[in-house]
C-alpha atoms as a PDB file:
ATOM      1  CA  MET A   1     -45.950 124.633 -70.493  1.00  0.00           C
ATOM      2  CA  THR A   2     -46.052 127.049 -73.436  1.00  0.00           C
ATOM      3  CA  ILE A   3     -45.715 124.216 -75.961  1.00  0.00           C
ATOM      4  CA  PHE A   4     -48.588 122.296 -74.394  1.00  0.00           C
ATOM      5  CA  ARG A   5     -50.669 125.455 -74.007  1.00  0.00           C
ATOM      6  CA  ILE A   6     -50.430 126.367 -77.693  1.00  0.00           C
ATOM      7  CA  ALA A   7     -51.087 122.735 -78.687  1.00  0.00           C
ATOM      8  CA  SER A   8     -54.166 122.653 -76.467  1.00  0.00           C
ATOM      9  CA  HIS A   9     -55.529 125.782 -78.133  1.00  0.00           C
ATOM     10  CA  LEU A  10     -54.825 124.432 -81.625  1.00  0.00           C
ATOM     11  CA  GLU A  11     -56.751 121.321 -80.705  1.00  0.00           C
ATOM     12  CA  ARG A  12     -59.678 123.438 -79.493  1.00  0.00           C
ATOM     13  CA  PHE A  13     -59.548 125.381 -82.758  1.00  0.00           C
ATOM     14  CA  GLY A  14     -60.357 122.130 -84.544  1.00  0.00           C
ATOM     15  CA  HIS A  15     -56.927 120.835 -85.569  1.00  0.00           C
ATOM     16  CA  GLU A  16     -55.696 117.289 -85.079  1.00  0.00           C
ATOM     17  CA  VAL A  17     -52.549 117.545 -82.958  1.00  0.00           C
ATOM     18  CA  ARG A  18     -50.112 114.750 -82.159  1.00  0.00           C
ATOM     19  CA  PHE A  19     -46.965 114.750 -80.016  1.00  0.00           C
ATOM     20  CA  LEU A  20     -43.828 112.805 -80.901  1.00  0.00           C
ATOM     21  CA  VAL A  21     -41.479 112.585 -77.897  1.00  0.00           C
ATOM     22  CA  GLN A  22     -37.833 111.926 -78.715  1.00  0.00           C
ATOM     23  CA  ASN A  23     -35.584 109.876 -76.408  1.00  0.00           C
ATOM     24  CA  PRO A  24     -37.968 109.691 -73.409  1.00  0.00           C
ATOM     25  CA  THR A  25     -36.287 109.340 -70.020  1.00  0.00           C
ATOM     26  CA  ILE A  26     -39.286 109.178 -67.672  1.00  0.00           C
ATOM     27  CA  HIS A  27     -42.310 107.704 -69.407  1.00  0.00           C
ATOM     28  CA  LYS A  28     -42.491 104.176 -70.769  1.00  0.00           C
ATOM     29  CA  SER A  29     -45.536 104.714 -72.988  1.00  0.00           C
ATOM     30  CA  GLY A  30     -47.324 107.441 -74.869  1.00  0.00           C
ATOM     31  CA  ALA A  31     -50.390 106.917 -72.684  1.00  0.00           C
ATOM     32  CA  ALA A  32     -48.342 107.628 -69.555  1.00  0.00           C
ATOM     33  CA  ALA A  33     -46.919 110.803 -71.110  1.00  0.00           C
ATOM     34  CA  LEU A  34     -50.420 111.898 -72.127  1.00  0.00           C
ATOM     35  CA  ALA A  35     -51.621 111.435 -68.548  1.00  0.00           C
ATOM     36  CA  THR A  36     -48.779 113.663 -67.295  1.00  0.00           C
ATOM     37  CA  ILE A  37     -49.605 116.354 -69.862  1.00  0.00           C
ATOM     38  CA  ASN A  38     -53.198 116.443 -68.671  1.00  0.00           C
ATOM     39  CA  GLU A  39     -52.369 116.328 -64.970  1.00  0.00           C
ATOM     40  CA  TYR A  40     -49.569 118.884 -64.814  1.00  0.00           C
ATOM     41  CA  PHE A  41     -49.742 120.995 -67.966  1.00  0.00           C
ATOM     42  CA  GLN A  42     -52.754 121.592 -70.245  1.00  0.00           C
ATOM     43  CA  PRO A  43     -55.825 119.667 -71.435  1.00  0.00           C
ATOM     44  CA  PHE A  44     -54.959 117.552 -74.463  1.00  0.00           C
ATOM     45  CA  SER A  45     -56.771 114.654 -76.108  1.00  0.00           C
ATOM     46  CA  GLY A  46     -54.488 113.861 -79.045  1.00  0.00           C
ATOM     47  CA  THR A  47     -52.038 110.976 -79.252  1.00  0.00           C
ATOM     48  CA  VAL A  48     -48.518 110.877 -77.852  1.00  0.00           C
ATOM     49  CA  GLU A  49     -45.879 108.601 -79.370  1.00  0.00           C
ATOM     50  CA  LEU A  50     -42.428 107.937 -77.930  1.00  0.00           C
ATOM     51  CA  PHE A  51     -39.424 107.177 -80.124  1.00  0.00           C
ATOM     52  CA  ALA A  52     -35.675 106.743 -79.760  1.00  0.00           C
ATOM     53  CA  ASP A  53     -33.584 105.135 -82.495  1.00  0.00           C
ATOM     54  CA  CYS A  54     -35.769 105.483 -85.592  1.00  0.00           C
ATOM     55  CA  THR A  55     -37.941 108.424 -86.575  1.00  0.00           C
ATOM     56  CA  PRO A  56     -41.665 107.616 -86.623  1.00  0.00           C
ATOM     57  CA  ASP A  57     -43.444 106.866 -89.872  1.00  0.00           C
ATOM     58  CA  ALA A  58     -45.752 109.872 -89.641  1.00  0.00           C
ATOM     59  CA  ILE A  59     -47.543 112.074 -92.162  1.00  0.00           C
ATOM     60  CA  GLY A  60     -49.407 115.350 -91.897  1.00  0.00           C
ATOM     61  CA  ASP A  61     -49.654 118.967 -92.964  1.00  0.00           C
ATOM     62  CA  ALA A  62     -47.186 120.470 -90.477  1.00  0.00           C
ATOM     63  CA  LEU A  63     -44.307 119.059 -88.443  1.00  0.00           C
ATOM     64  CA  ILE A  64     -42.974 121.305 -85.678  1.00  0.00           C
ATOM     65  CA  ALA A  65     -39.582 121.103 -83.945  1.00  0.00           C
ATOM     66  CA  THR A  66     -39.620 122.506 -80.415  1.00  0.00           C
ATOM     67  CA  ASP A  67     -35.904 122.761 -79.601  1.00  0.00           C
ATOM     68  CA  ARG A  68     -32.532 122.099 -81.193  1.00  0.00           C
ATOM     69  CA  PHE A  69     -32.536 118.404 -80.298  1.00  0.00           C
ATOM     70  CA  THR A  70     -35.836 117.762 -82.075  1.00  0.00           C
ATOM     71  CA  CYS A  71     -34.653 119.637 -85.178  1.00  0.00           C
ATOM     72  CA  TYR A  72     -32.555 116.656 -86.269  1.00  0.00           C
ATOM     73  CA  PRO A  73     -35.383 114.087 -86.496  1.00  0.00           C
ATOM     74  CA  VAL A  74     -37.728 116.739 -87.916  1.00  0.00           C
ATOM     75  CA  ASN A  75     -35.188 117.518 -90.628  1.00  0.00           C
ATOM     76  CA  ALA A  76     -34.936 113.811 -91.464  1.00  0.00           C
ATOM     77  CA  MET A  77     -38.672 113.056 -91.529  1.00  0.00           C
ATOM     78  CA  GLN A  78     -40.591 113.131 -94.789  1.00  0.00           C
ATOM     79  CA  GLY A  79     -44.341 113.071 -95.343  1.00  0.00           C
ATOM     80  CA  PHE A  80     -45.242 116.612 -94.285  1.00  0.00           C
ATOM     81  CA  THR A  81     -46.241 119.590 -96.392  1.00  0.00           C
ATOM     82  CA  ARG A  82     -44.227 122.081 -94.338  1.00  0.00           C
ATOM     83  CA  LYS A  83     -41.868 122.026 -91.369  1.00  0.00           C
ATOM     84  CA  PHE A  84     -41.703 124.589 -88.582  1.00  0.00           C
ATOM     85  CA  TYR A  85     -39.472 125.561 -85.664  1.00  0.00           C
ATOM     86  CA  PHE A  86     -41.253 126.686 -82.468  1.00  0.00           C
ATOM     87  CA  VAL A  87     -38.520 129.060 -81.283  1.00  0.00           C
ATOM     88  CA  GLN A  88     -38.787 130.094 -77.626  1.00  0.00           C
ATOM     89  CA  ASP A  89     -35.174 131.126 -77.120  1.00  0.00           C
ATOM     90  CA  TYR A  90     -31.837 131.560 -78.848  1.00  0.00           C
ATOM     91  CA  GLU A  91     -30.482 128.205 -77.733  1.00  0.00           C
ATOM     92  CA  THR A  92     -26.970 128.744 -79.116  1.00  0.00           C
ATOM     93  CA  ALA A  93     -26.351 131.025 -76.138  1.00  0.00           C
ATOM     94  CA  PHE A  94     -27.046 128.154 -73.740  1.00  0.00           C
ATOM     95  CA  TYR A  95     -23.586 126.696 -74.455  1.00  0.00           C
ATOM     96  CA  PRO A  96     -19.969 127.917 -74.371  1.00  0.00           C
ATOM     97  CA  ALA A  97     -18.361 128.546 -77.747  1.00  0.00           C
ATOM     98  CA  GLY A  98     -17.635 125.082 -79.122  1.00  0.00           C
ATOM     99  CA  ALA A  99     -19.247 122.037 -80.685  1.00  0.00           C
ATOM    100  CA  GLU A 100     -22.549 122.268 -78.747  1.00  0.00           C
ATOM    101  CA  ALA A 101     -23.045 125.911 -79.682  1.00  0.00           C
ATOM    102  CA  LEU A 102     -22.120 125.334 -83.323  1.00  0.00           C
ATOM    103  CA  LEU A 103     -24.424 122.322 -83.669  1.00  0.00           C
ATOM    104  CA  THR A 104     -27.228 124.318 -82.084  1.00  0.00           C
ATOM    105  CA  GLU A 105     -26.714 127.277 -84.411  1.00  0.00           C
ATOM    106  CA  ALA A 106     -26.681 124.923 -87.393  1.00  0.00           C
ATOM    107  CA  THR A 107     -30.348 124.069 -86.742  1.00  0.00           C
ATOM    108  CA  TYR A 108     -31.356 127.650 -87.527  1.00  0.00           C
ATOM    109  CA  TYR A 109     -30.245 127.122 -91.129  1.00  0.00           C
ATOM    110  CA  TYR A 110     -32.634 124.214 -91.691  1.00  0.00           C
ATOM    111  CA  ASP A 111     -35.501 124.900 -94.075  1.00  0.00           C
ATOM    112  CA  PHE A 112     -38.028 125.409 -91.304  1.00  0.00           C
ATOM    113  CA  ASP A 113     -40.461 128.299 -90.926  1.00  0.00           C
ATOM    114  CA  CYS A 114     -39.898 129.925 -87.534  1.00  0.00           C
ATOM    115  CA  LEU A 115     -42.712 130.550 -85.038  1.00  0.00           C
ATOM    116  CA  CYS A 116     -40.972 132.883 -82.603  1.00  0.00           C
ATOM    117  CA  ALA A 117     -41.851 133.854 -79.029  1.00  0.00           C
ATOM    118  CA  GLY A 118     -41.365 137.594 -79.442  1.00  0.00           C
ATOM    119  CA  ASP A 119     -39.835 140.123 -81.802  1.00  0.00           C
ATOM    120  CA  TRP A 120     -36.230 139.661 -80.641  1.00  0.00           C
ATOM    121  CA  LEU A 121     -36.192 136.044 -81.793  1.00  0.00           C
ATOM    122  CA  HIS A 122     -38.227 136.872 -84.904  1.00  0.00           C
ATOM    123  CA  ARG A 123     -35.683 139.465 -86.040  1.00  0.00           C
ATOM    124  CA  ARG A 124     -32.806 137.123 -85.318  1.00  0.00           C
ATOM    125  CA  MET A 125     -34.259 134.231 -87.295  1.00  0.00           C
ATOM    126  CA  LYS A 126     -35.147 136.508 -90.213  1.00  0.00           C
ATOM    127  CA  ASP A 127     -32.125 138.800 -90.371  1.00  0.00           C
ATOM    128  CA  GLN A 128     -29.297 136.554 -89.194  1.00  0.00           C
ATOM    129  CA  PHE A 129     -30.402 133.190 -90.565  1.00  0.00           C
ATOM    130  CA  GLY A 130     -32.609 134.174 -93.501  1.00  0.00           C
ATOM    131  CA  ARG A 131     -35.594 132.192 -92.303  1.00  0.00           C
ATOM    132  CA  TRP A 132     -39.253 132.896 -92.929  1.00  0.00           C
ATOM    133  CA  SER A 133     -40.301 134.015 -89.481  1.00  0.00           C
ATOM    134  CA  MET A 134     -43.205 135.424 -87.502  1.00  0.00           C
ATOM    135  CA  SER A 135     -43.672 136.654 -83.947  1.00  0.00           C
ATOM    136  CA  TRP A 136     -46.246 135.679 -81.341  1.00  0.00           C
ATOM    137  CA  PRO A 137     -46.180 137.133 -77.804  1.00  0.00           C
ATOM    138  CA  LEU A 138     -45.793 135.240 -74.570  1.00  0.00           C
ATOM    139  CA  ALA A 139     -48.973 135.808 -72.587  1.00  0.00           C
ATOM    140  CA  TYR A 140     -50.457 134.980 -69.171  1.00  0.00           C
ATOM    141  CA  ASP A 141     -53.528 133.371 -67.645  1.00  0.00           C
ATOM    142  CA  ALA A 142     -55.782 136.290 -66.706  1.00  0.00           C
ATOM    143  CA  GLU A 143     -57.938 134.059 -64.490  1.00  0.00           C
ATOM    144  CA  ILE A 144     -54.949 133.533 -62.187  1.00  0.00           C
ATOM    145  CA  TYR A 145     -52.686 136.541 -62.634  1.00  0.00           C
ATOM    146  CA  ARG A 146     -54.620 139.704 -61.794  1.00  0.00           C
ATOM    147  CA  PRO A 147     -54.535 142.456 -59.145  1.00  0.00           C
ATOM    148  CA  GLY A 148     -55.443 141.106 -55.734  1.00  0.00           C
ATOM    149  CA  ALA A 149     -58.905 141.872 -54.437  1.00  0.00           C
ATOM    150  CA  GLY A 150     -59.486 141.902 -50.696  1.00  0.00           C
ATOM    151  CA  LEU A 151     -55.820 141.210 -49.926  1.00  0.00           C
ATOM    152  CA  PRO A 152     -53.701 143.134 -47.399  1.00  0.00           C
ATOM    153  CA  LYS A 153     -51.816 146.156 -48.686  1.00  0.00           C
ATOM    154  CA  ARG A 154     -48.525 145.461 -50.423  1.00  0.00           C
ATOM    155  CA  HIS A 155     -45.487 145.053 -48.218  1.00  0.00           C
ATOM    156  CA  ARG A 156     -43.228 148.085 -48.134  1.00  0.00           C
ATOM    157  CA  ASN A 157     -39.880 146.309 -48.690  1.00  0.00           C
ATOM    158  CA  ARG A 158     -40.422 142.793 -50.044  1.00  0.00           C
ATOM    159  CA  ILE A 159     -38.591 141.728 -53.219  1.00  0.00           C
ATOM    160  CA  ALA A 160     -40.028 138.788 -55.193  1.00  0.00           C
ATOM    161  CA  LEU A 161     -36.972 137.367 -56.959  1.00  0.00           C
ATOM    162  CA  TYR A 162     -37.042 134.651 -59.636  1.00  0.00           C
ATOM    163  CA  ALA A 163     -34.203 132.436 -58.420  1.00  0.00           C
ATOM    164  CA  ARG A 164     -34.073 129.516 -60.850  1.00  0.00           C
ATOM    165  CA  TYR A 165     -30.280 129.300 -60.598  1.00  0.00           C
ATOM    166  CA  VAL A 166     -30.131 125.924 -62.411  1.00  0.00           C
ATOM    167  CA  THR A 167     -30.898 127.869 -65.603  1.00  0.00           C
ATOM    168  CA  PRO A 168     -27.785 130.026 -66.138  1.00  0.00           C
ATOM    169  CA  ARG A 169     -29.553 132.580 -68.358  1.00  0.00           C
ATOM    170  CA  ARG A 170     -31.600 133.666 -65.322  1.00  0.00           C
ATOM    171  CA  ALA A 171     -28.423 135.334 -63.980  1.00  0.00           C
ATOM    172  CA  VAL A 172     -29.379 134.685 -60.354  1.00  0.00           C
ATOM    173  CA  GLU A 173     -25.778 135.268 -59.247  1.00  0.00           C
ATOM    174  CA  LEU A 174     -26.034 138.868 -60.475  1.00  0.00           C
ATOM    175  CA  ALA A 175     -29.142 139.383 -58.383  1.00  0.00           C
ATOM    176  CA  LEU A 176     -27.444 137.946 -55.286  1.00  0.00           C
ATOM    177  CA  MET A 177     -24.453 140.247 -55.776  1.00  0.00           C
ATOM    178  CA  ALA A 178     -26.831 143.210 -56.099  1.00  0.00           C
ATOM    179  CA  LEU A 179     -28.517 142.242 -52.825  1.00  0.00           C
ATOM    180  CA  ALA A 180     -25.099 142.182 -51.159  1.00  0.00           C
ATOM    181  CA  VAL A 181     -24.522 145.740 -52.415  1.00  0.00           C
ATOM    182  CA  LEU A 182     -27.859 146.833 -50.957  1.00  0.00           C
ATOM    183  CA  GLN A 183     -27.019 145.180 -47.641  1.00  0.00           C
ATOM    184  CA  LYS A 184     -23.747 147.100 -47.430  1.00  0.00           C
ATOM    185  CA  GLN A 185     -25.613 150.320 -48.176  1.00  0.00           C
ATOM    186  CA  GLY A 186     -27.925 149.704 -45.220  1.00  0.00           C
ATOM    187  CA  VAL A 187     -31.073 149.368 -47.330  1.00  0.00           C
ATOM    188  CA  ASP A 188     -33.979 147.743 -45.448  1.00  0.00           C
ATOM    189  CA  PHE A 189     -35.393 144.860 -47.505  1.00  0.00           C
ATOM    190  CA  GLU A 190     -36.548 141.244 -47.406  1.00  0.00           C
ATOM    191  CA  VAL A 191     -36.489 138.742 -50.256  1.00  0.00           C
ATOM    192  CA  ASP A 192     -38.960 136.100 -51.412  1.00  0.00           C
ATOM    193  CA  PHE A 193     -36.951 133.675 -53.551  1.00  0.00           C
ATOM    194  CA  PHE A 194     -38.964 131.440 -55.868  1.00  0.00           C
ATOM    195  CA  GLY A 195     -38.467 129.256 -58.922  1.00  0.00           C
ATOM    196  CA  TRP A 196     -36.087 126.712 -57.368  1.00  0.00           C
ATOM    197  CA  LYS A 197     -35.130 125.625 -53.862  1.00  0.00           C
ATOM    198  CA  LEU A 198     -31.944 127.452 -52.861  1.00  0.00           C
ATOM    199  CA  GLY A 199     -31.203 125.880 -49.492  1.00  0.00           C
ATOM    200  CA  ARG A 200     -29.476 127.736 -46.707  1.00  0.00           C
ATOM    201  CA  LEU A 201     -27.821 130.987 -47.816  1.00  0.00           C
ATOM    202  CA  ASN A 202     -24.935 132.748 -46.068  1.00  0.00           C
ATOM    203  CA  VAL A 203     -26.564 136.180 -46.104  1.00  0.00           C
ATOM    204  CA  ASP A 204     -27.517 138.714 -43.461  1.00  0.00           C
ATOM    205  CA  PHE A 205     -30.819 139.950 -44.886  1.00  0.00           C
ATOM    206  CA  PRO A 206     -34.180 138.235 -44.145  1.00  0.00           C
ATOM    207  CA  TYR A 207     -35.411 135.889 -46.859  1.00  0.00           C
ATOM    208  CA  ARG A 208     -37.907 133.135 -47.582  1.00  0.00           C
ATOM    209  CA  ASP A 209     -36.922 130.217 -49.806  1.00  0.00           C
ATOM    210  CA  HIS A 210     -40.215 129.288 -51.482  1.00  0.00           C
ATOM    211  CA  GLY A 211     -38.845 126.943 -54.128  1.00  0.00           C
ATOM    212  CA  VAL A 212     -41.296 125.997 -56.888  1.00  0.00           C
ATOM    213  CA  LEU A 213     -44.723 127.535 -56.272  1.00  0.00           C
ATOM    214  CA  THR A 214     -48.082 126.739 -57.824  1.00  0.00           C
ATOM    215  CA  SER A 215     -49.692 129.295 -60.138  1.00  0.00           C
ATOM    216  CA  ASP A 216     -52.066 130.432 -57.407  1.00  0.00           C
ATOM    217  CA  GLU A 217     -49.194 130.788 -54.922  1.00  0.00           C
ATOM    218  CA  LEU A 218     -47.208 132.806 -57.455  1.00  0.00           C
ATOM    219  CA  ALA A 219     -50.151 135.125 -58.033  1.00  0.00           C
ATOM    220  CA  ARG A 220     -50.521 135.719 -54.287  1.00  0.00           C
ATOM    221  CA  LEU A 221     -46.813 136.525 -54.033  1.00  0.00           C
ATOM    222  CA  TYR A 222     -47.006 138.959 -56.968  1.00  0.00           C
ATOM    223  CA  GLN A 223     -50.109 140.608 -55.470  1.00  0.00           C
ATOM    224  CA  THR A 224     -48.453 141.352 -52.118  1.00  0.00           C
ATOM    225  CA  ALA A 225     -44.736 141.913 -52.848  1.00  0.00           C
ATOM    226  CA  THR A 226     -43.253 145.389 -53.264  1.00  0.00           C
ATOM    227  CA  ILE A 227     -41.278 144.818 -56.472  1.00  0.00           C
ATOM    228  CA  GLY A 228     -40.496 141.874 -58.744  1.00  0.00           C
ATOM    229  CA  VAL A 229     -37.034 141.008 -60.045  1.00  0.00           C
ATOM    230  CA  VAL A 230     -36.762 138.569 -62.946  1.00  0.00           C
ATOM    231  CA  PHE A 231     -33.819 138.275 -65.316  1.00  0.00           C
ATOM    232  CA  SER A 232     -33.078 136.593 -68.591  1.00  0.00           C
ATOM    233  CA  ALA A 233     -29.823 136.975 -70.495  1.00  0.00           C
ATOM    234  CA  THR A 234     -31.499 135.658 -73.671  1.00  0.00           C
ATOM    235  CA  ASN A 235     -35.189 135.807 -74.582  1.00  0.00           C
ATOM    236  CA  HIS A 236     -37.391 137.371 -71.905  1.00  0.00           C
ATOM    237  CA  SER A 237     -39.298 135.312 -69.377  1.00  0.00           C
ATOM    238  CA  LEU A 238     -43.095 135.108 -69.270  1.00  0.00           C
ATOM    239  CA  VAL A 239     -42.780 135.743 -65.509  1.00  0.00           C
ATOM    240  CA  ASN A 240     -42.482 139.484 -66.286  1.00  0.00           C
ATOM    241  CA  LYS A 241     -45.975 139.637 -67.751  1.00  0.00           C
ATOM    242  CA  GLU A 242     -47.470 137.487 -65.008  1.00  0.00           C
ATOM    243  CA  MET A 243     -46.023 139.895 -62.433  1.00  0.00           C
ATOM    244  CA  MET A 244     -47.301 142.930 -64.345  1.00  0.00           C
ATOM    245  CA  ALA A 245     -50.776 141.389 -64.616  1.00  0.00           C
ATOM    246  CA  CYS A 246     -50.839 141.323 -60.799  1.00  0.00           C
ATOM    247  CA  GLY A 247     -49.875 144.996 -60.635  1.00  0.00           C
ATOM    248  CA  LEU A 248     -46.315 144.282 -59.457  1.00  0.00           C
ATOM    249  CA  PRO A 249     -43.588 146.722 -60.598  1.00  0.00           C
ATOM    250  CA  VAL A 250     -40.891 144.738 -62.425  1.00  0.00           C
ATOM    251  CA  ILE A 251     -37.123 145.084 -62.834  1.00  0.00           C
ATOM    252  CA  ASP A 252     -35.341 143.258 -65.680  1.00  0.00           C
ATOM    253  CA  LEU A 253     -31.963 143.621 -67.340  1.00  0.00           C
ATOM    254  CA  ASP A 254     -31.267 146.436 -69.792  1.00  0.00           C
ATOM    255  CA  LEU A 255     -30.626 144.171 -72.781  1.00  0.00           C
ATOM    256  CA  ASP A 256     -31.888 144.260 -76.368  1.00  0.00           C
ATOM    257  CA  SER A 257     -33.740 140.977 -75.812  1.00  0.00           C
ATOM    258  CA  VAL A 258     -35.809 142.751 -73.123  1.00  0.00           C
ATOM    259  CA  ARG A 259     -35.959 146.260 -74.591  1.00  0.00           C
ATOM    260  CA  SER A 260     -37.324 144.918 -77.880  1.00  0.00           C
ATOM    261  CA  ILE A 261     -40.360 143.506 -76.054  1.00  0.00           C
ATOM    262  CA  PHE A 262     -41.248 145.871 -73.214  1.00  0.00           C
ATOM    263  CA  PRO A 263     -41.939 149.619 -73.564  1.00  0.00           C
ATOM    264  CA  ASP A 264     -39.849 152.067 -71.576  1.00  0.00           C
ATOM    265  CA  ASN A 265     -42.720 153.137 -69.343  1.00  0.00           C
ATOM    266  CA  ALA A 266     -43.833 149.645 -68.262  1.00  0.00           C
ATOM    267  CA  MET A 267     -40.681 148.286 -66.635  1.00  0.00           C
ATOM    268  CA  ALA A 268     -37.535 149.368 -64.805  1.00  0.00           C
ATOM    269  CA  PHE A 269     -34.412 148.384 -66.767  1.00  0.00           C
ATOM    270  CA  ALA A 270     -31.225 147.713 -64.813  1.00  0.00           C
ATOM    271  CA  LEU A 271     -27.705 147.700 -66.185  1.00  0.00           C
ATOM    272  CA  PRO A 272     -26.461 144.087 -65.949  1.00  0.00           C
ATOM    273  CA  THR A 273     -24.028 144.782 -63.103  1.00  0.00           C
ATOM    274  CA  PRO A 274     -24.457 144.331 -59.336  1.00  0.00           C
ATOM    275  CA  GLU A 275     -24.360 148.116 -58.858  1.00  0.00           C
ATOM    276  CA  GLY A 276     -26.807 148.794 -61.700  1.00  0.00           C
ATOM    277  CA  ILE A 277     -29.313 146.273 -60.375  1.00  0.00           C
ATOM    278  CA  ALA A 278     -28.909 147.451 -56.784  1.00  0.00           C
ATOM    279  CA  GLY A 279     -29.503 151.034 -57.893  1.00  0.00           C
ATOM    280  CA  GLN A 280     -32.823 150.221 -59.522  1.00  0.00           C
ATOM    281  CA  ILE A 281     -34.012 148.108 -56.599  1.00  0.00           C
ATOM    282  CA  LYS A 282     -33.120 150.869 -54.123  1.00  0.00           C
ATOM    283  CA  ARG A 283     -34.819 153.497 -56.277  1.00  0.00           C
ATOM    284  CA  LEU A 284     -38.083 151.591 -56.423  1.00  0.00           C
ATOM    285  CA  LEU A 285     -38.036 150.678 -52.747  1.00  0.00           C
ATOM    286  CA  GLU A 286     -37.616 154.368 -51.881  1.00  0.00           C
ATOM    287  CA  GLU A 287     -40.046 155.843 -54.439  1.00  0.00           C
ATOM    288  CA  PRO A 288     -43.638 154.620 -53.917  1.00  0.00           C
ATOM    289  CA  GLN A 289     -44.954 156.979 -56.598  1.00  0.00           C
ATOM    290  CA  GLU A 290     -42.649 155.393 -59.168  1.00  0.00           C
ATOM    291  CA  ARG A 291     -43.823 151.948 -58.075  1.00  0.00           C
ATOM    292  CA  ASP A 292     -47.422 153.045 -58.535  1.00  0.00           C
ATOM    293  CA  ARG A 293     -46.641 154.410 -62.006  1.00  0.00           C
ATOM    294  CA  LEU A 294     -44.941 151.193 -63.098  1.00  0.00           C
ATOM    295  CA  SER A 295     -47.823 149.175 -61.693  1.00  0.00           C
ATOM    296  CA  ARG A 296     -50.362 151.154 -63.755  1.00  0.00           C
ATOM    297  CA  GLU A 297     -48.284 151.146 -66.930  1.00  0.00           C
ATOM    298  CA  GLY A 298     -47.483 147.458 -66.590  1.00  0.00           C
ATOM    299  CA  LEU A 299     -51.148 146.573 -66.186  1.00  0.00           C
ATOM    300  CA  ALA A 300     -52.057 148.643 -69.235  1.00  0.00           C
ATOM    301  CA  TYR A 301     -49.314 146.994 -71.303  1.00  0.00           C
ATOM    302  CA  VAL A 302     -50.306 143.375 -70.587  1.00  0.00           C
ATOM    303  CA  ASN A 303     -54.027 144.023 -70.945  1.00  0.00           C
ATOM    304  CA  ASN A 304     -54.024 143.070 -74.633  1.00  0.00           C
ATOM    305  CA  PHE A 305     -52.276 139.704 -74.260  1.00  0.00           C
ATOM    306  CA  SER A 306     -53.957 136.306 -74.073  1.00  0.00           C
ATOM    307  CA  TRP A 307     -52.850 132.773 -74.870  1.00  0.00           C
ATOM    308  CA  GLU A 308     -55.781 132.361 -77.246  1.00  0.00           C
ATOM    309  CA  ARG A 309     -54.670 135.393 -79.281  1.00  0.00           C
ATOM    310  CA  SER A 310     -51.103 134.079 -79.402  1.00  0.00           C
ATOM    311  CA  ALA A 311     -52.318 130.639 -80.463  1.00  0.00           C
ATOM    312  CA  ARG A 312     -54.432 132.210 -83.216  1.00  0.00           C
ATOM    313  CA  LEU A 313     -51.306 133.919 -84.570  1.00  0.00           C
ATOM    314  CA  VAL A 314     -49.461 130.586 -84.582  1.00  0.00           C
ATOM    315  CA  GLU A 315     -52.439 128.900 -86.247  1.00  0.00           C
ATOM    316  CA  ALA A 316     -52.647 131.542 -88.976  1.00  0.00           C
ATOM    317  CA  ALA A 317     -48.928 131.265 -89.723  1.00  0.00           C
ATOM    318  CA  ILE A 318     -49.062 127.473 -90.006  1.00  0.00           C
ATOM    319  CA  LYS A 319     -52.118 127.564 -92.267  1.00  0.00           C
ATOM    320  CA  ASP A 320     -50.616 130.258 -94.503  1.00  0.00           C
ATOM    321  CA  ARG A 321     -47.269 128.517 -94.910  1.00  0.00           C
ATOM    322  CA  VAL A 322     -48.839 125.112 -95.556  1.00  0.00           C
ATOM    323  CA  ALA A 323     -51.110 126.692 -98.173  1.00  0.00           C
ATOM    324  CA  TYR A 324     -48.130 128.456 -99.752  1.00  0.00           C
ATOM    325  CA  ALA A 325     -46.154 125.201 -99.938  1.00  0.00           C
ATOM    326  CA  LEU A 326     -49.093 123.477-101.617  1.00  0.00           C
ATOM    327  CA  GLN A 327     -49.407 126.325-104.133  1.00  0.00           C
ATOM    328  CA  GLN A 328     -45.727 126.020-104.951  1.00  0.00           C
ATOM    329  CA  GLY A 329     -46.082 122.273-105.399  1.00  0.00           C
ATOM    330  CA  GLY A 330     -43.570 121.750-102.605  1.00  0.00           C
ATOM    331  CA  GLY A 331     -43.582 119.882 -99.359  1.00  0.00           C
ATOM    332  CA  ASP A 332     -42.114 116.544 -98.431  1.00  0.00           C
ATOM    333  CA  GLY A 333     -45.282 114.497 -98.871  1.00  0.00           C
END
């Protein structure tokens, strides 16, 4: 969604944007992929081209890789003034130590300029891999994610928990272990799981298994829950800011990847252990004044974010680096 959102904004800013989709597994034509982009993601009127064995014969000012798999064709393609890497996470950490992790890390040494989703990734690309790098913030849709007006008061003990367990970096197992600790302690709570269908759970506490919700359904959940719990063991999730924009107090893991983005006063940070997480959840459930404080501070923190501002930062970086390459007489084309 973030890739398509930024591309949609760049198109509205007046740029000609084109998608090249490597090794498609669902769509049989670029037109079909374009229809899916417009139906399920963001408005886009550019062209979409699918390719598998051979890299496309394409030219332009900027060519942007969007994950480690696309880095290989991007590195091979000529005909562009400058190449970029749209870095949304540190993908090396997605794999156990071995060939997959090493091949992923190798892509960070390619001569690409890095457009990073947040300061944690920006510092890593610049300091560890010596790349030219910039940072743009993940944002939220303020027309959807906002404090609820005319809704019932917030529940007193409902936990909205991002439970996308098929993505290991979401550390859902840690959250489930923390809930078991709370249950043993006799804490009164209910859980709204969302992000992926969990199926029947062997637990004693009340829960609702929402699965994948629409944006409007997510906003309603964030506007009525008591606290939000969302984890990421690598780069932070944009769910945090969407929750904050709805006035929901948020708990995330006490990791550098989170601390480097969120100020101390806007979020509750939990040690990445079952006991540490349980302690923060219990504290917030029992302290309404602290929930109110986090709600206010979270709202104030996210007030300055918008996808248009983030896209303008990406646009400026691309224009500056393309201009620099032209001044140096470089580029592939």
